[in-house]
PDB file of N, CA and C in Angstrom:
ATOM      1  N   MET A   1     221.770 126.668 -63.016  1.00  0.00           N
ATOM      2  CA  MET A   1     223.094 126.145 -62.749  1.00  0.00           C
ATOM      3  C   MET A   1     222.965 124.653 -62.445  1.00  0.00           C
ATOM      4  N   TYR A   2     223.929 123.872 -62.853  1.00  0.00           N
ATOM      5  CA  TYR A   2     223.923 122.422 -62.700  1.00  0.00           C
ATOM      6  C   TYR A   2     225.091 122.011 -61.808  1.00  0.00           C
ATOM      7  N   TYR A   3     224.801 121.236 -60.775  1.00  0.00           N
ATOM      8  CA  TYR A   3     225.825 120.778 -59.841  1.00  0.00           C
ATOM      9  C   TYR A   3     225.783 119.260 -59.754  1.00  0.00           C
ATOM     10  N   THR A   4     226.925 118.659 -59.463  1.00  0.00           N
ATOM     11  CA  THR A   4     226.982 117.222 -59.191  1.00  0.00           C
ATOM     12  C   THR A   4     227.717 117.000 -57.873  1.00  0.00           C
ATOM     13  N   SER A   5     227.453 115.838 -57.282  1.00  0.00           N
ATOM     14  CA  SER A   5     228.116 115.453 -56.049  1.00  0.00           C
ATOM     15  C   SER A   5     228.140 113.932 -56.007  1.00  0.00           C
ATOM     16  N   ASN A   6     229.145 113.366 -55.362  1.00  0.00           N
ATOM     17  CA  ASN A   6     229.256 111.909 -55.280  1.00  0.00           C
ATOM     18  C   ASN A   6     228.465 111.358 -54.105  1.00  0.00           C
ATOM     19  N   LEU A   7     227.883 110.209 -54.306  1.00  0.00           N
ATOM     20  CA  LEU A   7     227.199 109.487 -53.249  1.00  0.00           C
ATOM     21  C   LEU A   7     228.234 108.602 -52.553  1.00  0.00           C
ATOM     22  N   THR A   8     228.364 108.730 -51.223  1.00  0.00           N
ATOM     23  CA  THR A   8     229.377 107.968 -50.495  1.00  0.00           C
ATOM     24  C   THR A   8     228.891 106.550 -50.196  1.00  0.00           C
ATOM     25  N   ARG A   9     229.777 105.736 -49.664  1.00  0.00           N
ATOM     26  CA  ARG A   9     229.416 104.369 -49.263  1.00  0.00           C
ATOM     27  C   ARG A   9     228.359 104.364 -48.167  1.00  0.00           C
ATOM     28  N   LYS A  10     228.264 105.452 -47.424  1.00  0.00           N
ATOM     29  CA  LYS A  10     227.258 105.566 -46.361  1.00  0.00           C
ATOM     30  C   LYS A  10     225.984 106.234 -46.882  1.00  0.00           C
ATOM     31  N   TRP A  11     225.848 106.352 -48.200  1.00  0.00           N
ATOM     32  CA  TRP A  11     224.671 106.934 -48.857  1.00  0.00           C
ATOM     33  C   TRP A  11     224.512 108.421 -48.550  1.00  0.00           C
ATOM     34  N   GLN A  12     225.627 109.104 -48.325  1.00  0.00           N
ATOM     35  CA  GLN A  12     225.595 110.535 -48.049  1.00  0.00           C
ATOM     36  C   GLN A  12     226.052 111.314 -49.279  1.00  0.00           C
ATOM     37  N   VAL A  13     225.606 112.547 -49.367  1.00  0.00           N
ATOM     38  CA  VAL A  13     225.987 113.416 -50.474  1.00  0.00           C
ATOM     39  C   VAL A  13     226.272 114.805 -49.902  1.00  0.00           C
ATOM     40  N   THR A  14     227.242 115.505 -50.477  1.00  0.00           N
ATOM     41  CA  THR A  14     227.567 116.861 -50.044  1.00  0.00           C
ATOM     42  C   THR A  14     226.800 117.850 -50.906  1.00  0.00           C
ATOM     43  N   ILE A  15     226.106 118.779 -50.251  1.00  0.00           N
ATOM     44  CA  ILE A  15     225.400 119.834 -50.974  1.00  0.00           C
ATOM     45  C   ILE A  15     226.429 120.906 -51.326  1.00  0.00           C
ATOM     46  N   PRO A  16     226.529 121.278 -52.593  1.00  0.00           N
ATOM     47  CA  PRO A  16     227.540 122.250 -53.003  1.00  0.00           C
ATOM     48  C   PRO A  16     227.438 123.567 -52.217  1.00  0.00           C
ATOM     49  N   LEU A  17     228.584 124.185 -51.981  1.00  0.00           N
ATOM     50  CA  LEU A  17     228.683 125.404 -51.180  1.00  0.00           C
ATOM     51  C   LEU A  17     227.759 126.505 -51.697  1.00  0.00           C
ATOM     52  N   ASP A  18     227.720 126.708 -52.998  1.00  0.00           N
ATOM     53  CA  ASP A  18     226.877 127.751 -53.578  1.00  0.00           C
ATOM     54  C   ASP A  18     225.403 127.521 -53.215  1.00  0.00           C
ATOM     55  N   ILE A  19     224.959 126.285 -53.239  1.00  0.00           N
ATOM     56  CA  ILE A  19     223.579 125.936 -52.879  1.00  0.00           C
ATOM     57  C   ILE A  19     223.364 126.165 -51.386  1.00  0.00           C
ATOM     58  N   ARG A  20     224.308 125.712 -50.553  1.00  0.00           N
ATOM     59  CA  ARG A  20     224.190 125.907 -49.095  1.00  0.00           C
ATOM     60  C   ARG A  20     224.076 127.382 -48.747  1.00  0.00           C
ATOM     61  N   ARG A  21     224.902 128.199 -49.385  1.00  0.00           N
ATOM     62  CA  ARG A  21     224.870 129.635 -49.107  1.00  0.00           C
ATOM     63  C   ARG A  21     223.577 130.275 -49.594  1.00  0.00           C
ATOM     64  N   HIS A  22     223.165 129.920 -50.799  1.00  0.00           N
ATOM     65  CA  HIS A  22     221.964 130.516 -51.381  1.00  0.00           C
ATOM     66  C   HIS A  22     220.724 130.241 -50.524  1.00  0.00           C
ATOM     67  N   PHE A  23     220.602 129.007 -50.021  1.00  0.00           N
ATOM     68  CA  PHE A  23     219.433 128.624 -49.231  1.00  0.00           C
ATOM     69  C   PHE A  23     219.667 128.701 -47.725  1.00  0.00           C
ATOM     70  N   VAL A  24     220.823 129.255 -47.337  1.00  0.00           N
ATOM     71  CA  VAL A  24     221.189 129.461 -45.929  1.00  0.00           C
ATOM     72  C   VAL A  24     221.002 128.154 -45.138  1.00  0.00           C
ATOM     73  N   LEU A  25     221.604 127.094 -45.636  1.00  0.00           N
ATOM     74  CA  LEU A  25     221.547 125.796 -44.957  1.00  0.00           C
ATOM     75  C   LEU A  25     222.626 125.738 -43.888  1.00  0.00           C
ATOM     76  N   GLN A  26     222.295 125.132 -42.773  1.00  0.00           N
ATOM     77  CA  GLN A  26     223.201 125.036 -41.633  1.00  0.00           C
ATOM     78  C   GLN A  26     223.480 123.564 -41.307  1.00  0.00           C
ATOM     79  N   PRO A  27     224.627 123.267 -40.673  1.00  0.00           N
ATOM     80  CA  PRO A  27     224.910 121.894 -40.252  1.00  0.00           C
ATOM     81  C   PRO A  27     223.787 121.377 -39.338  1.00  0.00           C
ATOM     82  N   ASN A  28     223.472 120.110 -39.482  1.00  0.00           N
ATOM     83  CA  ASN A  28     222.437 119.412 -38.704  1.00  0.00           C
ATOM     84  C   ASN A  28     221.018 119.878 -39.011  1.00  0.00           C
ATOM     85  N   GLN A  29     220.848 120.755 -39.986  1.00  0.00           N
ATOM     86  CA  GLN A  29     219.510 121.173 -40.382  1.00  0.00           C
ATOM     87  C   GLN A  29     218.849 120.036 -41.157  1.00  0.00           C
ATOM     88  N   LYS A  30     217.570 119.823 -40.938  1.00  0.00           N
ATOM     89  CA  LYS A  30     216.852 118.770 -41.645  1.00  0.00           C
ATOM     90  C   LYS A  30     216.492 119.232 -43.047  1.00  0.00           C
ATOM     91  N   VAL A  31     216.568 118.302 -43.998  1.00  0.00           N
ATOM     92  CA  VAL A  31     216.140 118.555 -45.361  1.00  0.00           C
ATOM     93  C   VAL A  31     215.096 117.516 -45.745  1.00  0.00           C
ATOM     94  N   ALA A  32     214.287 117.849 -46.728  1.00  0.00           N
ATOM     95  CA  ALA A  32     213.241 116.946 -47.205  1.00  0.00           C
ATOM     96  C   ALA A  32     213.591 116.485 -48.609  1.00  0.00           C
ATOM     97  N   PHE A  33     213.204 115.253 -48.939  1.00  0.00           N
ATOM     98  CA  PHE A  33     213.403 114.690 -50.259  1.00  0.00           C
ATOM     99  C   PHE A  33     212.030 114.440 -50.871  1.00  0.00           C
ATOM    100  N   VAL A  34     211.790 115.003 -52.063  1.00  0.00           N
ATOM    101  CA  VAL A  34     210.509 114.856 -52.738  1.00  0.00           C
ATOM    102  C   VAL A  34     210.754 114.213 -54.099  1.00  0.00           C
ATOM    103  N   LYS A  35     210.045 113.107 -54.364  1.00  0.00           N
ATOM    104  CA  LYS A  35     210.136 112.458 -55.675  1.00  0.00           C
ATOM    105  C   LYS A  35     209.264 113.225 -56.660  1.00  0.00           C
ATOM    106  N   GLN A  36     209.850 113.570 -57.803  1.00  0.00           N
ATOM    107  CA  GLN A  36     209.110 114.211 -58.891  1.00  0.00           C
ATOM    108  C   GLN A  36     209.470 113.496 -60.179  1.00  0.00           C
ATOM    109  N   GLY A  37     208.631 112.543 -60.541  1.00  0.00           N
ATOM    110  CA  GLY A  37     208.928 111.744 -61.724  1.00  0.00           C
ATOM    111  C   GLY A  37     210.200 110.954 -61.504  1.00  0.00           C
ATOM    112  N   ASP A  38     211.198 111.159 -62.368  1.00  0.00           N
ATOM    113  CA  ASP A  38     212.474 110.449 -62.230  1.00  0.00           C
ATOM    114  C   ASP A  38     213.532 111.302 -61.549  1.00  0.00           C
ATOM    115  N   GLN A  39     213.099 112.356 -60.843  1.00  0.00           N
ATOM    116  CA  GLN A  39     214.018 113.239 -60.148  1.00  0.00           C
ATOM    117  C   GLN A  39     213.712 113.275 -58.659  1.00  0.00           C
ATOM    118  N   VAL A  40     214.705 113.697 -57.886  1.00  0.00           N
ATOM    119  CA  VAL A  40     214.545 113.918 -56.453  1.00  0.00           C
ATOM    120  C   VAL A  40     214.872 115.379 -56.192  1.00  0.00           C
ATOM    121  N   VAL A  41     213.957 116.068 -55.504  1.00  0.00           N
ATOM    122  CA  VAL A  41     214.164 117.470 -55.143  1.00  0.00           C
ATOM    123  C   VAL A  41     214.472 117.517 -53.654  1.00  0.00           C
ATOM    124  N   ILE A  42     215.536 118.228 -53.292  1.00  0.00           N
ATOM    125  CA  ILE A  42     215.913 118.388 -51.891  1.00  0.00           C
ATOM    126  C   ILE A  42     215.542 119.810 -51.480  1.00  0.00           C
ATOM    127  N   SER A  43     214.883 119.937 -50.340  1.00  0.00           N
ATOM    128  CA  SER A  43     214.505 121.263 -49.849  1.00  0.00           C
ATOM    129  C   SER A  43     214.674 121.317 -48.343  1.00  0.00           C
ATOM    130  N   LYS A  44     214.601 122.518 -47.792  1.00  0.00           N
ATOM    131  CA  LYS A  44     214.590 122.646 -46.343  1.00  0.00           C
ATOM    132  C   LYS A  44     213.362 121.921 -45.827  1.00  0.00           C
ATOM    133  N   ALA A  45     213.521 121.132 -44.784  1.00  0.00           N
ATOM    134  CA  ALA A  45     212.368 120.470 -44.174  1.00  0.00           C
ATOM    135  C   ALA A  45     211.537 121.507 -43.452  1.00  0.00           C
ATOM    136  N   ARG A  46     210.251 121.302 -43.472  1.00  0.00           N
ATOM    137  CA  ARG A  46     209.346 122.229 -42.808  1.00  0.00           C
ATOM    138  C   ARG A  46     208.755 121.566 -41.585  1.00  0.00           C
ATOM    139  N   SER A  47     208.405 122.375 -40.634  1.00  0.00           N
ATOM    140  CA  SER A  47     207.671 121.849 -39.487  1.00  0.00           C
ATOM    141  C   SER A  47     206.188 121.908 -39.829  1.00  0.00           C
ATOM    142  N   ILE A  48     205.398 121.216 -39.069  1.00  0.00           N
ATOM    143  CA  ILE A  48     203.954 121.238 -39.285  1.00  0.00           C
ATOM    144  C   ILE A  48     203.409 122.658 -39.147  1.00  0.00           C
ATOM    145  N   LEU A  49     204.049 123.485 -38.325  1.00  0.00           N
ATOM    146  CA  LEU A  49     203.599 124.858 -38.138  1.00  0.00           C
ATOM    147  C   LEU A  49     203.788 125.694 -39.396  1.00  0.00           C
ATOM    148  N   ASP A  50     204.815 125.381 -40.196  1.00  0.00           N
ATOM    149  CA  ASP A  50     205.038 126.098 -41.445  1.00  0.00           C
ATOM    150  C   ASP A  50     203.918 125.844 -42.448  1.00  0.00           C
ATOM    151  N   LEU A  51     203.263 124.715 -42.320  1.00  0.00           N
ATOM    152  CA  LEU A  51     202.233 124.329 -43.278  1.00  0.00           C
ATOM    153  C   LEU A  51     200.825 124.710 -42.823  1.00  0.00           C
ATOM    154  N   GLN A  52     200.726 125.333 -41.669  1.00  0.00           N
ATOM    155  CA  GLN A  52     199.417 125.680 -41.124  1.00  0.00           C
ATOM    156  C   GLN A  52     198.621 126.502 -42.131  1.00  0.00           C
ATOM    157  N   GLY A  53     197.400 126.017 -42.416  1.00  0.00           N
ATOM    158  CA  GLY A  53     196.494 126.726 -43.301  1.00  0.00           C
ATOM    159  C   GLY A  53     196.654 126.426 -44.768  1.00  0.00           C
ATOM    160  N   CYS A  54     197.677 125.678 -45.180  1.00  0.00           N
ATOM    161  CA  CYS A  54     197.883 125.428 -46.607  1.00  0.00           C
ATOM    162  C   CYS A  54     197.198 124.153 -47.080  1.00  0.00           C
ATOM    163  N   VAL A  55     196.729 123.332 -46.161  1.00  0.00           N
ATOM    164  CA  VAL A  55     196.071 122.077 -46.534  1.00  0.00           C
ATOM    165  C   VAL A  55     194.576 122.218 -46.276  1.00  0.00           C
ATOM    166  N   PRO A  56     193.757 122.144 -47.362  1.00  0.00           N
ATOM    167  CA  PRO A  56     192.321 122.260 -47.139  1.00  0.00           C
ATOM    168  C   PRO A  56     191.800 121.067 -46.344  1.00  0.00           C
ATOM    169  N   ASN A  57     190.922 121.334 -45.399  1.00  0.00           N
ATOM    170  CA  ASN A  57     190.333 120.280 -44.583  1.00  0.00           C
ATOM    171  C   ASN A  57     188.879 120.647 -44.317  1.00  0.00           C
ATOM    172  N   PRO A  58     187.950 119.913 -44.934  1.00  0.00           N
ATOM    173  CA  PRO A  58     186.539 120.235 -44.701  1.00  0.00           C
ATOM    174  C   PRO A  58     186.219 120.159 -43.211  1.00  0.00           C
ATOM    175  N   ILE A  59     185.386 121.061 -42.740  1.00  0.00           N
ATOM    176  CA  ILE A  59     185.009 121.106 -41.324  1.00  0.00           C
ATOM    177  C   ILE A  59     184.441 119.756 -40.910  1.00  0.00           C
ATOM    178  N   GLY A  60     184.925 119.244 -39.774  1.00  0.00           N
ATOM    179  CA  GLY A  60     184.416 117.992 -39.237  1.00  0.00           C
ATOM    180  C   GLY A  60     185.117 116.753 -39.747  1.00  0.00           C
ATOM    181  N   LYS A  61     185.952 116.867 -40.789  1.00  0.00           N
ATOM    182  CA  LYS A  61     186.649 115.684 -41.293  1.00  0.00           C
ATOM    183  C   LYS A  61     187.974 115.548 -40.573  1.00  0.00           C
ATOM    184  N   ILE A  62     188.150 114.448 -39.870  1.00  0.00           N
ATOM    185  CA  ILE A  62     189.407 114.177 -39.179  1.00  0.00           C
ATOM    186  C   ILE A  62     190.271 113.336 -40.109  1.00  0.00           C
ATOM    187  N   LEU A  63     191.500 113.794 -40.344  1.00  0.00           N
ATOM    188  CA  LEU A  63     192.408 113.112 -41.260  1.00  0.00           C
ATOM    189  C   LEU A  63     193.328 112.175 -40.487  1.00  0.00           C
ATOM    190  N   SER A  64     193.617 111.039 -41.090  1.00  0.00           N
ATOM    191  CA  SER A  64     194.561 110.098 -40.484  1.00  0.00           C
ATOM    192  C   SER A  64     195.977 110.634 -40.649  1.00  0.00           C
ATOM    193  N   ASP A  65     196.926 110.061 -39.909  1.00  0.00           N
ATOM    194  CA  ASP A  65     198.333 110.458 -40.049  1.00  0.00           C
ATOM    195  C   ASP A  65     198.790 110.287 -41.490  1.00  0.00           C
ATOM    196  N   HIS A  66     198.402 109.178 -42.107  1.00  0.00           N
ATOM    197  CA  HIS A  66     198.794 108.904 -43.497  1.00  0.00           C
ATOM    198  C   HIS A  66     198.218 109.973 -44.433  1.00  0.00           C
ATOM    199  N   GLU A  67     196.940 110.322 -44.244  1.00  0.00           N
ATOM    200  CA  GLU A  67     196.323 111.356 -45.081  1.00  0.00           C
ATOM    201  C   GLU A  67     197.020 112.701 -44.892  1.00  0.00           C
ATOM    202  N   LEU A  68     197.355 113.046 -43.643  1.00  0.00           N
ATOM    203  CA  LEU A  68     198.072 114.296 -43.381  1.00  0.00           C
ATOM    204  C   LEU A  68     199.447 114.298 -44.042  1.00  0.00           C
ATOM    205  N   ASP A  69     200.179 113.178 -43.931  1.00  0.00           N
ATOM    206  CA  ASP A  69     201.499 113.071 -44.563  1.00  0.00           C
ATOM    207  C   ASP A  69     201.388 113.264 -46.068  1.00  0.00           C
ATOM    208  N   GLU A  70     200.408 112.601 -46.685  1.00  0.00           N
ATOM    209  CA  GLU A  70     200.223 112.709 -48.131  1.00  0.00           C
ATOM    210  C   GLU A  70     199.913 114.146 -48.540  1.00  0.00           C
ATOM    211  N   LEU A  71     199.022 114.810 -47.794  1.00  0.00           N
ATOM    212  CA  LEU A  71     198.679 116.191 -48.113  1.00  0.00           C
ATOM    213  C   LEU A  71     199.863 117.129 -47.922  1.00  0.00           C
ATOM    214  N   MET A  72     200.670 116.909 -46.867  1.00  0.00           N
ATOM    215  CA  MET A  72     201.846 117.754 -46.645  1.00  0.00           C
ATOM    216  C   MET A  72     202.856 117.576 -47.771  1.00  0.00           C
ATOM    217  N   MET A  73     203.108 116.328 -48.185  1.00  0.00           N
ATOM    218  CA  MET A  73     204.072 116.086 -49.257  1.00  0.00           C
ATOM    219  C   MET A  73     203.565 116.677 -50.569  1.00  0.00           C
ATOM    220  N   LYS A  74     202.263 116.603 -50.824  1.00  0.00           N
ATOM    221  CA  LYS A  74     201.698 117.208 -52.029  1.00  0.00           C
ATOM    222  C   LYS A  74     201.869 118.719 -51.978  1.00  0.00           C
ATOM    223  N   SER A  75     201.649 119.320 -50.818  1.00  0.00           N
ATOM    224  CA  SER A  75     201.798 120.760 -50.664  1.00  0.00           C
ATOM    225  C   SER A  75     203.242 121.187 -50.923  1.00  0.00           C
ATOM    226  N   ILE A  76     204.181 120.423 -50.396  1.00  0.00           N
ATOM    227  CA  ILE A  76     205.603 120.727 -50.621  1.00  0.00           C
ATOM    228  C   ILE A  76     205.936 120.609 -52.104  1.00  0.00           C
ATOM    229  N   ALA A  77     205.459 119.527 -52.731  1.00  0.00           N
ATOM    230  CA  ALA A  77     205.721 119.317 -54.157  1.00  0.00           C
ATOM    231  C   ALA A  77     205.090 120.432 -54.984  1.00  0.00           C
ATOM    232  N   ASP A  78     203.874 120.857 -54.618  1.00  0.00           N
ATOM    233  CA  ASP A  78     203.203 121.942 -55.346  1.00  0.00           C
ATOM    234  C   ASP A  78     203.988 123.240 -55.279  1.00  0.00           C
ATOM    235  N   ASP A  79     204.642 123.495 -54.126  1.00  0.00           N
ATOM    236  CA  ASP A  79     205.461 124.704 -53.997  1.00  0.00           C
ATOM    237  C   ASP A  79     206.602 124.715 -55.004  1.00  0.00           C
ATOM    238  N   PHE A  80     207.138 123.534 -55.334  1.00  0.00           N
ATOM    239  CA  PHE A  80     208.238 123.464 -56.293  1.00  0.00           C
ATOM    240  C   PHE A  80     207.766 123.693 -57.711  1.00  0.00           C
ATOM    241  N   ASP A  81     206.488 123.428 -57.962  1.00  0.00           N
ATOM    242  CA  ASP A  81     205.941 123.619 -59.308  1.00  0.00           C
ATOM    243  C   ASP A  81     205.625 125.075 -59.600  1.00  0.00           C
ATOM    244  N   LYS A  82     205.625 125.927 -58.575  1.00  0.00           N
ATOM    245  CA  LYS A  82     205.276 127.346 -58.771  1.00  0.00           C
ATOM    246  C   LYS A  82     206.410 128.098 -59.409  1.00  0.00           C
TER     247      LYS A  82
END
């Protein structure tokens, strides 16, 4: 199904009702934006706890905040490719 929505002067967009209902989105719920080529995918934002165990980390390697962010965004993007 294909939906459109207008971008407001405040850079806001309304998520269509059918999409909100299907994904059980609630007011004030956080969403994530993922760039995929020339498209933007909007999904429910996840907490770090939701991603526990999905990011490989060799024993003893401490990741920087930037490395963790990159791995989390890759994990989210990979979920959309499934």
